[in-house]
Amino acid sequence: MASQQESEGQQQLSRDEVAKNNTLDSLWCIVDHRVYDLTDFVDAHPGGSVVLAQVAGTDATSKTLIPGSLPCIQC
């Protein structure tokens, strides 16, 4: 299991830890070096859950995402 470290008040997450959250029940992704928990946004996403399922647990920086005010876990 990847360890989580605190650095200057920010939670540090590994890509392995993000990759574990790859289901609709726990959906995280990385956008521009920031980790977002999109779990509560799945039903509200305009493209539907299928779109978010494709980026679950991955670095979605190259995908078209507009994070806006989504909950950032590691900012």
N, C-alpha and C. Protein backbone atom coordinates (compact mmCIF):
# COMPACT_ATOMS: atom_id res chain seq x y z
N MET A 1 0.85 -1.18 0.00
CA MET A 1 0.00 0.00 0.00
C MET A 1 0.89 1.24 0.00
N ALA A 2 0.59 2.17 -0.84
CA ALA A 2 1.36 3.41 -0.93
C ALA A 2 1.11 4.24 0.32
N SER A 3 2.17 4.82 0.84
CA SER A 3 2.01 5.64 2.03
C SER A 3 1.60 7.05 1.65
N GLN A 4 0.89 7.70 2.54
CA GLN A 4 0.50 9.09 2.35
C GLN A 4 1.37 9.93 3.27
N GLN A 5 1.95 10.99 2.76
CA GLN A 5 2.83 11.84 3.54
C GLN A 5 2.28 13.25 3.59
N GLU A 6 2.56 13.90 4.69
CA GLU A 6 2.20 15.31 4.82
C GLU A 6 3.43 16.14 4.50
N SER A 7 3.32 17.09 3.60
CA SER A 7 4.42 17.96 3.25
C SER A 7 3.91 19.39 3.16
N GLU A 8 4.36 20.22 4.06
CA GLU A 8 3.94 21.60 4.10
C GLU A 8 2.42 21.74 4.15
N GLY A 9 1.77 20.84 4.91
CA GLY A 9 0.33 20.91 5.08
C GLY A 9 -0.47 20.32 3.93
N GLN A 10 0.21 19.78 2.92
CA GLN A 10 -0.50 19.19 1.79
C GLN A 10 -0.34 17.68 1.83
N GLN A 11 -1.41 16.98 1.55
CA GLN A 11 -1.38 15.53 1.51
C GLN A 11 -0.70 15.09 0.21
N GLN A 12 0.29 14.21 0.31
CA GLN A 12 0.99 13.71 -0.86
C GLN A 12 0.46 12.32 -1.19
N LEU A 13 -0.01 12.14 -2.40
CA LEU A 13 -0.55 10.87 -2.84
C LEU A 13 0.27 10.35 -4.01
N SER A 14 0.51 9.06 -4.03
CA SER A 14 1.23 8.46 -5.15
C SER A 14 0.23 8.14 -6.27
N ARG A 15 0.76 7.93 -7.46
CA ARG A 15 -0.09 7.53 -8.58
C ARG A 15 -0.73 6.17 -8.30
N ASP A 16 -0.02 5.32 -7.55
CA ASP A 16 -0.58 4.01 -7.19
C ASP A 16 -1.81 4.17 -6.30
N GLU A 17 -1.75 5.12 -5.37
CA GLU A 17 -2.90 5.37 -4.49
C GLU A 17 -4.09 5.90 -5.30
N VAL A 18 -3.84 6.80 -6.22
CA VAL A 18 -4.90 7.33 -7.08
C VAL A 18 -5.48 6.21 -7.92
N ALA A 19 -4.63 5.35 -8.45
CA ALA A 19 -5.08 4.25 -9.32
C ALA A 19 -6.01 3.28 -8.61
N LYS A 20 -5.90 3.17 -7.30
CA LYS A 20 -6.79 2.27 -6.53
C LYS A 20 -8.22 2.79 -6.49
N ASN A 21 -8.41 4.07 -6.72
CA ASN A 21 -9.73 4.69 -6.67
C ASN A 21 -10.28 4.83 -8.09
N ASN A 22 -10.59 3.69 -8.68
CA ASN A 22 -10.94 3.63 -10.09
C ASN A 22 -12.33 3.05 -10.35
N THR A 23 -13.21 3.19 -9.37
CA THR A 23 -14.58 2.70 -9.54
C THR A 23 -15.55 3.87 -9.38
N LEU A 24 -16.80 3.66 -9.74
CA LEU A 24 -17.80 4.71 -9.60
C LEU A 24 -18.10 5.00 -8.12
N ASP A 25 -17.76 4.05 -7.23
CA ASP A 25 -17.96 4.25 -5.80
C ASP A 25 -16.83 5.04 -5.15
N SER A 26 -15.69 5.10 -5.81
CA SER A 26 -14.54 5.87 -5.34
C SER A 26 -13.72 6.24 -6.56
N LEU A 27 -13.99 7.42 -7.10
CA LEU A 27 -13.43 7.82 -8.39
C LEU A 27 -12.55 9.05 -8.23
N TRP A 28 -11.23 8.82 -8.34
CA TRP A 28 -10.27 9.91 -8.28
C TRP A 28 -9.58 10.01 -9.62
N CYS A 29 -9.10 11.18 -9.96
CA CYS A 29 -8.24 11.33 -11.12
C CYS A 29 -7.30 12.51 -10.89
N ILE A 30 -6.28 12.58 -11.73
CA ILE A 30 -5.29 13.65 -11.66
C ILE A 30 -5.51 14.58 -12.84
N VAL A 31 -5.51 15.87 -12.57
CA VAL A 31 -5.58 16.89 -13.62
C VAL A 31 -4.58 17.98 -13.25
N ASP A 32 -3.63 18.20 -14.13
CA ASP A 32 -2.60 19.23 -13.90
C ASP A 32 -1.93 19.08 -12.53
N HIS A 33 -1.51 17.87 -12.20
CA HIS A 33 -0.77 17.56 -10.97
C HIS A 33 -1.61 17.71 -9.71
N ARG A 34 -2.91 17.77 -9.85
CA ARG A 34 -3.82 17.85 -8.71
C ARG A 34 -4.72 16.62 -8.72
N VAL A 35 -5.00 16.10 -7.53
CA VAL A 35 -5.86 14.92 -7.41
C VAL A 35 -7.27 15.37 -7.06
N TYR A 36 -8.23 14.91 -7.84
CA TYR A 36 -9.63 15.27 -7.63
C TYR A 36 -10.45 14.03 -7.29
N ASP A 37 -11.31 14.17 -6.27
CA ASP A 37 -12.26 13.13 -5.92
C ASP A 37 -13.56 13.46 -6.66
N LEU A 38 -13.86 12.70 -7.69
CA LEU A 38 -15.05 12.96 -8.52
C LEU A 38 -16.22 12.05 -8.18
N THR A 39 -16.10 11.31 -7.09
CA THR A 39 -17.13 10.34 -6.71
C THR A 39 -18.52 10.96 -6.65
N ASP A 40 -18.65 12.09 -6.01
CA ASP A 40 -19.97 12.73 -5.86
C ASP A 40 -20.43 13.46 -7.12
N PHE A 41 -19.54 13.57 -8.09
CA PHE A 41 -19.85 14.28 -9.34
C PHE A 41 -20.28 13.34 -10.46
N VAL A 42 -20.17 12.03 -10.24
CA VAL A 42 -20.45 11.04 -11.28
C VAL A 42 -21.83 11.23 -11.89
N ASP A 43 -22.85 11.35 -11.08
CA ASP A 43 -24.22 11.46 -11.60
C ASP A 43 -24.50 12.82 -12.23
N ALA A 44 -23.74 13.84 -11.86
CA ALA A 44 -23.97 15.18 -12.37
C ALA A 44 -23.18 15.49 -13.64
N HIS A 45 -22.23 14.65 -13.98
CA HIS A 45 -21.38 14.93 -15.14
C HIS A 45 -22.22 14.95 -16.41
N PRO A 46 -22.10 16.00 -17.24
CA PRO A 46 -22.92 16.12 -18.45
C PRO A 46 -22.73 14.95 -19.42
N GLY A 47 -21.58 14.35 -19.43
CA GLY A 47 -21.32 13.22 -20.33
C GLY A 47 -21.70 11.89 -19.74
N GLY A 48 -22.15 11.90 -18.50
CA GLY A 48 -22.55 10.68 -17.83
C GLY A 48 -21.39 9.97 -17.16
N SER A 49 -21.73 8.92 -16.44
CA SER A 49 -20.73 8.19 -15.67
C SER A 49 -19.71 7.48 -16.56
N VAL A 50 -20.10 7.16 -17.78
CA VAL A 50 -19.19 6.45 -18.69
C VAL A 50 -17.94 7.29 -18.96
N VAL A 51 -18.12 8.58 -19.12
CA VAL A 51 -16.99 9.47 -19.40
C VAL A 51 -16.01 9.47 -18.23
N LEU A 52 -16.53 9.61 -17.01
CA LEU A 52 -15.65 9.64 -15.85
C LEU A 52 -15.03 8.27 -15.58
N ALA A 53 -15.76 7.21 -15.86
CA ALA A 53 -15.21 5.86 -15.66
C ALA A 53 -13.97 5.65 -16.53
N GLN A 54 -13.91 6.31 -17.67
CA GLN A 54 -12.76 6.16 -18.57
C GLN A 54 -11.49 6.78 -18.00
N VAL A 55 -11.61 7.75 -17.10
CA VAL A 55 -10.43 8.41 -16.53
C VAL A 55 -10.22 8.07 -15.06
N ALA A 56 -11.05 7.23 -14.50
CA ALA A 56 -10.96 6.88 -13.09
C ALA A 56 -9.60 6.28 -12.75
N GLY A 57 -8.95 6.84 -11.75
CA GLY A 57 -7.67 6.33 -11.29
C GLY A 57 -6.48 6.68 -12.16
N THR A 58 -6.67 7.59 -13.12
CA THR A 58 -5.59 7.91 -14.06
C THR A 58 -5.26 9.40 -14.05
N ASP A 59 -4.24 9.74 -14.81
CA ASP A 59 -3.92 11.15 -15.06
C ASP A 59 -4.75 11.57 -16.27
N ALA A 60 -5.73 12.43 -16.03
CA ALA A 60 -6.67 12.84 -17.07
C ALA A 60 -6.33 14.22 -17.62
N THR A 61 -5.10 14.67 -17.41
CA THR A 61 -4.71 16.00 -17.84
C THR A 61 -4.94 16.21 -19.33
N SER A 62 -4.66 15.19 -20.13
CA SER A 62 -4.80 15.34 -21.58
C SER A 62 -6.24 15.22 -22.06
N LYS A 63 -7.14 14.84 -21.16
CA LYS A 63 -8.57 14.74 -21.51
C LYS A 63 -9.22 16.10 -21.32
N THR A 64 -10.40 16.27 -21.87
CA THR A 64 -11.12 17.53 -21.72
C THR A 64 -11.91 17.50 -20.42
N LEU A 65 -11.33 18.12 -19.41
CA LEU A 65 -12.00 18.25 -18.12
C LEU A 65 -11.88 19.68 -17.66
N ILE A 66 -12.92 20.19 -17.07
CA ILE A 66 -12.89 21.53 -16.50
C ILE A 66 -13.19 21.37 -15.01
N PRO A 67 -12.14 21.29 -14.16
CA PRO A 67 -12.34 20.99 -12.75
C PRO A 67 -13.21 21.98 -12.00
N GLY A 68 -13.10 23.27 -12.29
CA GLY A 68 -13.94 24.25 -11.59
C GLY A 68 -13.79 24.14 -10.09
N SER A 69 -14.88 23.87 -9.40
CA SER A 69 -14.86 23.82 -7.94
C SER A 69 -14.96 22.39 -7.42
N LEU A 70 -14.44 21.43 -8.16
CA LEU A 70 -14.46 20.04 -7.71
C LEU A 70 -13.54 19.88 -6.51
N PRO A 71 -13.83 18.90 -5.65
CA PRO A 71 -13.02 18.73 -4.44
C PRO A 71 -11.62 18.21 -4.76
N CYS A 72 -10.63 19.03 -4.48
CA CYS A 72 -9.25 18.68 -4.74
C CYS A 72 -8.67 18.02 -3.49
N ILE A 73 -8.14 16.82 -3.62
CA ILE A 73 -7.54 16.11 -2.51
C ILE A 73 -6.10 16.56 -2.31
N GLN A 74 -5.38 16.68 -3.40
CA GLN A 74 -3.98 17.13 -3.35
C GLN A 74 -3.82 18.29 -4.29
N CYS A 75 -3.78 19.49 -3.76
CA CYS A 75 -3.69 20.70 -4.57
C CYS A 75 -2.31 21.32 -4.49
